[in-house]
Each structure stands twice: as C-alpha cells, then as structure tokens.
Amino acid sequence: MRSRAAAAILADAGLEKVYNMQGGITAWEGLVASGPPEAGMAYFGDAAQPQELAMLAWMLEDGSRLFYVRMNEHLLDEETKKLFQRLAHAEVAHEKTVAELYRGFTGGRAVEDDLPSGRDDIMEGGIKVAEALLWAKGKDVTTILEFAISLEANAYDLYLKMERRLEGDAKKVFLLLAAEEKKHLERLADLLEKKV
C-alpha cells in the first residue's frame, strides 16, 4: 500500500499524528522529496446527502476513466495499455451503476444534468486529471503503475466509507464498487510485480 493511502486510512481510524512524505520513500533524494501529484481522500462532510455521495462517486469514476484513456495514448508498454483499456471500460460500467443510483436518490434526474458548472475533472484520489497527466509524461511504466495503485487504494477506502454511511440498495452499490476497486488493485499490483 502506498504511503498516502495508508496515512489516510490511519487518520480515518482516529490517529491524530499521521504524516505522509510526498512521493513516498522511492522519491527520497537526499534532503528533497518529490513525487506524483498528492492523491488523497476526496472530501465529503458529515452532512453530505446520499445524492451528493453518488455525484462525487460518478465524478471520480469519470475522471479515472479519462485518465486511463489519455494515459493509453502515451504508453508504449502493451501489457499496461491493455490493462488501462480494461480499467477504463470498468470505470464506464461503474459510472452507469452510480448514475442509476443517483436517479433513484433524485427522483429521476440525470447526474450529468446536475454536475457543477466549471468543475475540473477529478479522479479517484481526488486529484485533477490534467495535473496527473502532466506529471505522468516521461515517467516509466512502474512509476505510473504505482501511481494508479495509489488512486485505486484511495477509491477502495472512499467507497467503504460511503457504504458505512448509507443503507439498503445504496449500501450494496458502494460495497460492490469497493469490491471492484479491490480487483483493480490486484490487477495493477500483479502487473507491477511483473515489471519490477
């Protein structure tokens, strides 16, 4: 598990003094640490309504789809390209699932009609797609896979948190999404292991 994901999980568990070095131990270079854009938990307040959680989930899935599609245009490694294509396809399926949930919460309104105007595309991990794509230019495949793992770990944790806040079918939907994110993590980790 990446440092930032572990830090988020520990903070959520109630620990007060949790620190994360940007870029993790692999980014340590003397006295300077640098790394990928800081992915953290997408914030939602205690008062967030179920439809707000569904909208956030839809935005994260849409942003992640966009990231995987755009990364595919620059990747040279065929195995990673194929995996990113499968992940982009899975994100589309997740978007449809969450859009249906949103319609149920709002009496039939489409999530696309209610999205905030002028919003930035964000992805799992709560970072801007454009920022992640800019960072990824010229990076090797293992670094990009590690970054994708951190994003999926954040999504997994976020969906488990959402599931705890909801009931009925909505609870089941977020449990299903969490299980899917766990599968994404496993696929990415398996490929990373082959590439290292």
C-alpha atoms as a PDB file:
ATOM      1  CA  MET A   1       0.000   0.000   0.000  1.00  0.00           C
ATOM      2  CA  ARG A   2       1.241   3.469  -0.827  1.00  0.00           C
ATOM      3  CA  SER A   3       2.169   5.874   1.978  1.00  0.00           C
ATOM      4  CA  ARG A   4      -0.601   8.387   1.277  1.00  0.00           C
ATOM      5  CA  ALA A   5      -3.296   5.716   1.216  1.00  0.00           C
ATOM      6  CA  ALA A   6      -2.003   4.216   4.454  1.00  0.00           C
ATOM      7  CA  ALA A   7      -1.874   7.672   6.055  1.00  0.00           C
ATOM      8  CA  ALA A   8      -5.486   8.364   5.053  1.00  0.00           C
ATOM      9  CA  ILE A   9      -6.666   5.047   6.484  1.00  0.00           C
ATOM     10  CA  LEU A  10      -4.798   5.622   9.771  1.00  0.00           C
ATOM     11  CA  ALA A  11      -6.184   9.161  10.096  1.00  0.00           C
ATOM     12  CA  ASP A  12      -9.694   7.850   9.450  1.00  0.00           C
ATOM     13  CA  ALA A  13      -9.152   5.250  12.181  1.00  0.00           C
ATOM     14  CA  GLY A  14      -8.654   8.075  14.689  1.00  0.00           C
ATOM     15  CA  LEU A  15      -4.895   8.505  14.861  1.00  0.00           C
ATOM     16  CA  GLU A  16      -4.104  12.204  15.207  1.00  0.00           C
ATOM     17  CA  LYS A  17      -0.411  12.436  14.303  1.00  0.00           C
ATOM     18  CA  VAL A  18      -0.197  10.835  10.872  1.00  0.00           C
ATOM     19  CA  TYR A  19       2.351  12.054   8.329  1.00  0.00           C
ATOM     20  CA  ASN A  20       2.944  11.224   4.700  1.00  0.00           C
ATOM     21  CA  MET A  21       6.059  12.091   2.742  1.00  0.00           C
ATOM     22  CA  GLN A  22       5.038  13.286  -0.723  1.00  0.00           C
ATOM     23  CA  GLY A  23       6.300  10.753  -3.236  1.00  0.00           C
ATOM     24  CA  GLY A  24       6.986   8.142  -0.565  1.00  0.00           C
ATOM     25  CA  ILE A  25      10.337   6.565   0.129  1.00  0.00           C
ATOM     26  CA  THR A  26      11.001   5.972  -3.578  1.00  0.00           C
ATOM     27  CA  ALA A  27      11.030   9.739  -4.179  1.00  0.00           C
ATOM     28  CA  TRP A  28      13.629  10.454  -1.490  1.00  0.00           C
ATOM     29  CA  GLU A  29      16.657  12.179  -2.965  1.00  0.00           C
ATOM     30  CA  GLY A  30      18.986  13.495  -0.279  1.00  0.00           C
ATOM     31  CA  LEU A  31      17.080  16.174   1.616  1.00  0.00           C
ATOM     32  CA  VAL A  32      14.392  16.665  -1.033  1.00  0.00           C
ATOM     33  CA  ALA A  33      11.331  14.508  -1.593  1.00  0.00           C
ATOM     34  CA  SER A  34       9.247  14.776  -4.725  1.00  0.00           C
ATOM     35  CA  GLY A  35       6.734  12.591  -6.431  1.00  0.00           C
ATOM     36  CA  PRO A  36       3.399  12.334  -8.177  1.00  0.00           C
ATOM     37  CA  PRO A  37       0.508  14.711  -7.537  1.00  0.00           C
ATOM     38  CA  GLU A  38      -0.691  14.218  -3.989  1.00  0.00           C
ATOM     39  CA  ALA A  39      -3.670  11.895  -4.086  1.00  0.00           C
ATOM     40  CA  GLY A  40      -5.803  11.947  -1.007  1.00  0.00           C
ATOM     41  CA  MET A  41      -9.291  11.125   0.033  1.00  0.00           C
ATOM     42  CA  ALA A  42     -11.954  13.071  -1.836  1.00  0.00           C
ATOM     43  CA  TYR A  43     -13.591  15.086   0.922  1.00  0.00           C
ATOM     44  CA  PHE A  44     -17.219  14.853   1.870  1.00  0.00           C
ATOM     45  CA  GLY A  45     -18.663  16.344   5.022  1.00  0.00           C
ATOM     46  CA  ASP A  46     -20.774  14.686   7.674  1.00  0.00           C
ATOM     47  CA  ALA A  47     -23.865  16.395   6.260  1.00  0.00           C
ATOM     48  CA  ALA A  48     -23.378  15.017   2.736  1.00  0.00           C
ATOM     49  CA  GLN A  49     -26.622  13.678   1.350  1.00  0.00           C
ATOM     50  CA  PRO A  50     -26.769  10.313  -0.432  1.00  0.00           C
ATOM     51  CA  GLN A  51     -27.180  12.018  -3.823  1.00  0.00           C
ATOM     52  CA  GLU A  52     -24.047  14.095  -3.130  1.00  0.00           C
ATOM     53  CA  LEU A  53     -22.082  10.927  -2.411  1.00  0.00           C
ATOM     54  CA  ALA A  54     -23.380   9.381  -5.640  1.00  0.00           C
ATOM     55  CA  MET A  55     -22.443  12.505  -7.622  1.00  0.00           C
ATOM     56  CA  LEU A  56     -18.944  12.501  -6.120  1.00  0.00           C
ATOM     57  CA  ALA A  57     -18.533   8.809  -6.963  1.00  0.00           C
ATOM     58  CA  TRP A  58     -19.678   9.458 -10.541  1.00  0.00           C
ATOM     59  CA  MET A  59     -17.199  12.331 -10.937  1.00  0.00           C
ATOM     60  CA  LEU A  60     -14.333  10.202  -9.590  1.00  0.00           C
ATOM     61  CA  GLU A  61     -15.193   7.293 -11.886  1.00  0.00           C
ATOM     62  CA  ASP A  62     -15.489   9.620 -14.894  1.00  0.00           C
ATOM     63  CA  GLY A  63     -12.158  11.275 -14.108  1.00  0.00           C
ATOM     64  CA  SER A  64     -10.427   7.929 -13.667  1.00  0.00           C
ATOM     65  CA  ARG A  65     -11.834   6.733 -16.985  1.00  0.00           C
ATOM     66  CA  LEU A  66     -10.474   9.855 -18.640  1.00  0.00           C
ATOM     67  CA  PHE A  67      -7.055   9.323 -17.016  1.00  0.00           C
ATOM     68  CA  TYR A  68      -6.789   5.712 -18.189  1.00  0.00           C
ATOM     69  CA  VAL A  69      -7.913   6.604 -21.733  1.00  0.00           C
ATOM     70  CA  ARG A  70      -5.490   9.523 -22.049  1.00  0.00           C
ATOM     71  CA  MET A  71      -2.588   7.578 -20.494  1.00  0.00           C
ATOM     72  CA  ASN A  72      -3.131   4.884 -23.090  1.00  0.00           C
ATOM     73  CA  GLU A  73      -2.269   7.407 -25.816  1.00  0.00           C
ATOM     74  CA  HIS A  74       1.248   7.795 -24.351  1.00  0.00           C
ATOM     75  CA  LEU A  75       2.104   4.341 -23.046  1.00  0.00           C
ATOM     76  CA  LEU A  76       4.485   2.163 -25.000  1.00  0.00           C
ATOM     77  CA  ASP A  77       4.164  -0.967 -22.850  1.00  0.00           C
ATOM     78  CA  GLU A  78       1.477  -3.161 -24.463  1.00  0.00           C
ATOM     79  CA  GLU A  79       0.557  -5.049 -21.274  1.00  0.00           C
ATOM     80  CA  THR A  80      -0.048  -1.804 -19.402  1.00  0.00           C
ATOM     81  CA  LYS A  81      -2.021  -0.375 -22.329  1.00  0.00           C
ATOM     82  CA  LYS A  82      -4.314  -3.422 -22.314  1.00  0.00           C
ATOM     83  CA  LEU A  83      -4.826  -3.208 -18.565  1.00  0.00           C
ATOM     84  CA  PHE A  84      -5.575   0.524 -18.735  1.00  0.00           C
ATOM     85  CA  GLN A  85      -8.102  -0.170 -21.531  1.00  0.00           C
ATOM     86  CA  ARG A  86      -9.838  -2.742 -19.304  1.00  0.00           C
ATOM     87  CA  LEU A  87      -9.792  -0.330 -16.358  1.00  0.00           C
ATOM     88  CA  ALA A  88     -11.273   2.478 -18.494  1.00  0.00           C
ATOM     89  CA  HIS A  89     -14.032   0.107 -19.598  1.00  0.00           C
ATOM     90  CA  ALA A  90     -14.705  -0.861 -15.967  1.00  0.00           C
ATOM     91  CA  GLU A  91     -14.940   2.820 -14.989  1.00  0.00           C
ATOM     92  CA  VAL A  92     -17.685   3.285 -17.620  1.00  0.00           C
ATOM     93  CA  ALA A  93     -19.633   0.418 -16.049  1.00  0.00           C
ATOM     94  CA  HIS A  94     -19.154   1.998 -12.609  1.00  0.00           C
ATOM     95  CA  GLU A  95     -20.393   5.357 -13.924  1.00  0.00           C
ATOM     96  CA  LYS A  96     -23.580   3.704 -15.189  1.00  0.00           C
ATOM     97  CA  THR A  97     -24.152   1.998 -11.840  1.00  0.00           C
ATOM     98  CA  VAL A  98     -23.665   5.213  -9.878  1.00  0.00           C
ATOM     99  CA  ALA A  99     -25.782   7.221 -12.355  1.00  0.00           C
ATOM    100  CA  GLU A 100     -28.655   4.803 -11.785  1.00  0.00           C
ATOM    101  CA  LEU A 101     -28.243   5.154  -8.027  1.00  0.00           C
ATOM    102  CA  TYR A 102     -28.266   8.956  -8.399  1.00  0.00           C
ATOM    103  CA  ARG A 103     -31.506   8.805 -10.421  1.00  0.00           C
ATOM    104  CA  GLY A 104     -33.059   6.825  -7.581  1.00  0.00           C
ATOM    105  CA  PHE A 105     -31.988   9.406  -4.997  1.00  0.00           C
ATOM    106  CA  THR A 106     -33.198  12.403  -7.033  1.00  0.00           C
ATOM    107  CA  GLY A 107     -36.479  11.167  -8.434  1.00  0.00           C
ATOM    108  CA  GLY A 108     -35.113  10.517 -11.914  1.00  0.00           C
ATOM    109  CA  ARG A 109     -32.677  13.394 -12.550  1.00  0.00           C
ATOM    110  CA  ALA A 110     -29.551  12.529 -14.520  1.00  0.00           C
ATOM    111  CA  VAL A 111     -26.257  13.091 -12.704  1.00  0.00           C
ATOM    112  CA  GLU A 112     -24.793  14.754 -15.808  1.00  0.00           C
ATOM    113  CA  ASP A 113     -27.509  17.439 -15.625  1.00  0.00           C
ATOM    114  CA  ASP A 114     -26.658  18.295 -12.010  1.00  0.00           C
ATOM    115  CA  LEU A 115     -22.854  18.442 -12.198  1.00  0.00           C
ATOM    116  CA  PRO A 116     -21.355  21.736 -11.011  1.00  0.00           C
ATOM    117  CA  SER A 117     -20.536  24.093 -13.875  1.00  0.00           C
ATOM    118  CA  GLY A 118     -16.889  24.947 -14.410  1.00  0.00           C
ATOM    119  CA  ARG A 119     -15.744  21.882 -12.468  1.00  0.00           C
ATOM    120  CA  ASP A 120     -12.339  20.366 -13.001  1.00  0.00           C
ATOM    121  CA  ASP A 121     -12.171  16.704 -13.950  1.00  0.00           C
ATOM    122  CA  ILE A 122     -11.110  14.891 -10.800  1.00  0.00           C
ATOM    123  CA  MET A 123     -10.303  11.248 -10.408  1.00  0.00           C
ATOM    124  CA  GLU A 124     -10.002   8.605  -7.751  1.00  0.00           C
ATOM    125  CA  GLY A 125      -7.663  10.015  -5.177  1.00  0.00           C
ATOM    126  CA  GLY A 126      -9.298  13.440  -5.515  1.00  0.00           C
ATOM    127  CA  ILE A 127      -6.694  14.930  -7.868  1.00  0.00           C
ATOM    128  CA  LYS A 128      -7.197  16.764 -11.144  1.00  0.00           C
ATOM    129  CA  VAL A 129      -6.870  14.624 -14.250  1.00  0.00           C
ATOM    130  CA  ALA A 130      -4.865  17.323 -16.070  1.00  0.00           C
ATOM    131  CA  GLU A 131      -2.381  17.507 -13.175  1.00  0.00           C
ATOM    132  CA  ALA A 132      -1.912  13.730 -13.152  1.00  0.00           C
ATOM    133  CA  LEU A 133      -1.429  13.561 -16.925  1.00  0.00           C
ATOM    134  CA  LEU A 134       1.130  16.357 -16.871  1.00  0.00           C
ATOM    135  CA  TRP A 135       3.061  14.610 -14.092  1.00  0.00           C
ATOM    136  CA  ALA A 136       2.979  11.249 -15.903  1.00  0.00           C
ATOM    137  CA  LYS A 137       4.661  12.492 -19.096  1.00  0.00           C
ATOM    138  CA  GLY A 138       8.007  10.790 -19.493  1.00  0.00           C
ATOM    139  CA  LYS A 139       7.594   8.551 -16.414  1.00  0.00           C
ATOM    140  CA  ASP A 140       8.462   4.875 -16.641  1.00  0.00           C
ATOM    141  CA  VAL A 141       5.746   2.242 -16.555  1.00  0.00           C
ATOM    142  CA  THR A 142       6.464   1.089 -12.985  1.00  0.00           C
ATOM    143  CA  THR A 143       6.090   4.645 -11.656  1.00  0.00           C
ATOM    144  CA  ILE A 144       2.788   5.046 -13.489  1.00  0.00           C
ATOM    145  CA  LEU A 145       1.534   1.693 -12.199  1.00  0.00           C
ATOM    146  CA  GLU A 146       2.468   2.670  -8.633  1.00  0.00           C
ATOM    147  CA  PHE A 147       0.523   5.907  -9.071  1.00  0.00           C
ATOM    148  CA  ALA A 148      -2.528   4.038 -10.413  1.00  0.00           C
ATOM    149  CA  ILE A 149      -2.351   1.700  -7.409  1.00  0.00           C
ATOM    150  CA  SER A 150      -2.434   4.650  -5.012  1.00  0.00           C
ATOM    151  CA  LEU A 151      -5.504   6.046  -6.805  1.00  0.00           C
ATOM    152  CA  GLU A 152      -7.370   2.760  -6.685  1.00  0.00           C
ATOM    153  CA  ALA A 153      -6.467   2.294  -2.990  1.00  0.00           C
ATOM    154  CA  ASN A 154      -7.976   5.693  -2.238  1.00  0.00           C
ATOM    155  CA  ALA A 155     -11.125   4.791  -4.184  1.00  0.00           C
ATOM    156  CA  TYR A 156     -11.437   1.481  -2.333  1.00  0.00           C
ATOM    157  CA  ASP A 157     -11.194   3.226   1.027  1.00  0.00           C
ATOM    158  CA  LEU A 158     -13.594   6.005  -0.008  1.00  0.00           C
ATOM    159  CA  TYR A 159     -16.272   3.567  -1.169  1.00  0.00           C
ATOM    160  CA  LEU A 160     -16.010   1.633   2.083  1.00  0.00           C
ATOM    161  CA  LYS A 161     -16.568   4.922   3.939  1.00  0.00           C
ATOM    162  CA  MET A 162     -19.566   5.760   1.753  1.00  0.00           C
ATOM    163  CA  GLU A 163     -21.009   2.294   2.295  1.00  0.00           C
ATOM    164  CA  ARG A 164     -20.918   2.800   6.062  1.00  0.00           C
ATOM    165  CA  ARG A 165     -22.996   5.977   5.714  1.00  0.00           C
ATOM    166  CA  LEU A 166     -25.778   4.521   3.581  1.00  0.00           C
ATOM    167  CA  GLU A 167     -28.480   1.886   3.857  1.00  0.00           C
ATOM    168  CA  GLY A 168     -30.362  -0.524   1.654  1.00  0.00           C
ATOM    169  CA  ASP A 169     -29.544  -0.731  -2.049  1.00  0.00           C
ATOM    170  CA  ALA A 170     -27.160   2.244  -1.883  1.00  0.00           C
ATOM    171  CA  LYS A 171     -25.082   0.385   0.721  1.00  0.00           C
ATOM    172  CA  LYS A 172     -24.936  -2.629  -1.595  1.00  0.00           C
ATOM    173  CA  VAL A 173     -23.888  -0.481  -4.562  1.00  0.00           C
ATOM    174  CA  PHE A 174     -20.916   1.004  -2.706  1.00  0.00           C
ATOM    175  CA  LEU A 175     -19.900  -2.420  -1.378  1.00  0.00           C
ATOM    176  CA  LEU A 176     -19.955  -3.654  -4.972  1.00  0.00           C
ATOM    177  CA  LEU A 177     -17.875  -0.670  -6.124  1.00  0.00           C
ATOM    178  CA  ALA A 178     -15.374  -1.264  -3.299  1.00  0.00           C
ATOM    179  CA  ALA A 179     -15.056  -4.911  -4.361  1.00  0.00           C
ATOM    180  CA  GLU A 180     -14.438  -3.795  -7.953  1.00  0.00           C
ATOM    181  CA  GLU A 181     -11.758  -1.329  -6.839  1.00  0.00           C
ATOM    182  CA  LYS A 182     -10.092  -4.147  -4.908  1.00  0.00           C
ATOM    183  CA  LYS A 183      -9.966  -6.194  -8.131  1.00  0.00           C
ATOM    184  CA  HIS A 184      -8.411  -3.208  -9.918  1.00  0.00           C
ATOM    185  CA  LEU A 185      -5.776  -3.032  -7.186  1.00  0.00           C
ATOM    186  CA  GLU A 186      -4.985  -6.717  -7.573  1.00  0.00           C
ATOM    187  CA  ARG A 187      -4.618  -6.440 -11.364  1.00  0.00           C
ATOM    188  CA  LEU A 188      -2.382  -3.393 -11.108  1.00  0.00           C
ATOM    189  CA  ALA A 189      -0.261  -4.992  -8.366  1.00  0.00           C
ATOM    190  CA  ASP A 190       0.137  -8.205 -10.387  1.00  0.00           C
ATOM    191  CA  LEU A 191       1.328  -6.258 -13.415  1.00  0.00           C
ATOM    192  CA  LEU A 192       3.643  -4.080 -11.321  1.00  0.00           C
ATOM    193  CA  GLU A 193       5.199  -7.211  -9.843  1.00  0.00           C
ATOM    194  CA  LYS A 194       5.949  -8.459 -13.368  1.00  0.00           C
ATOM    195  CA  LYS A 195       7.514  -5.140 -14.381  1.00  0.00           C
ATOM    196  CA  VAL A 196       9.781  -4.632 -11.367  1.00  0.00           C
END
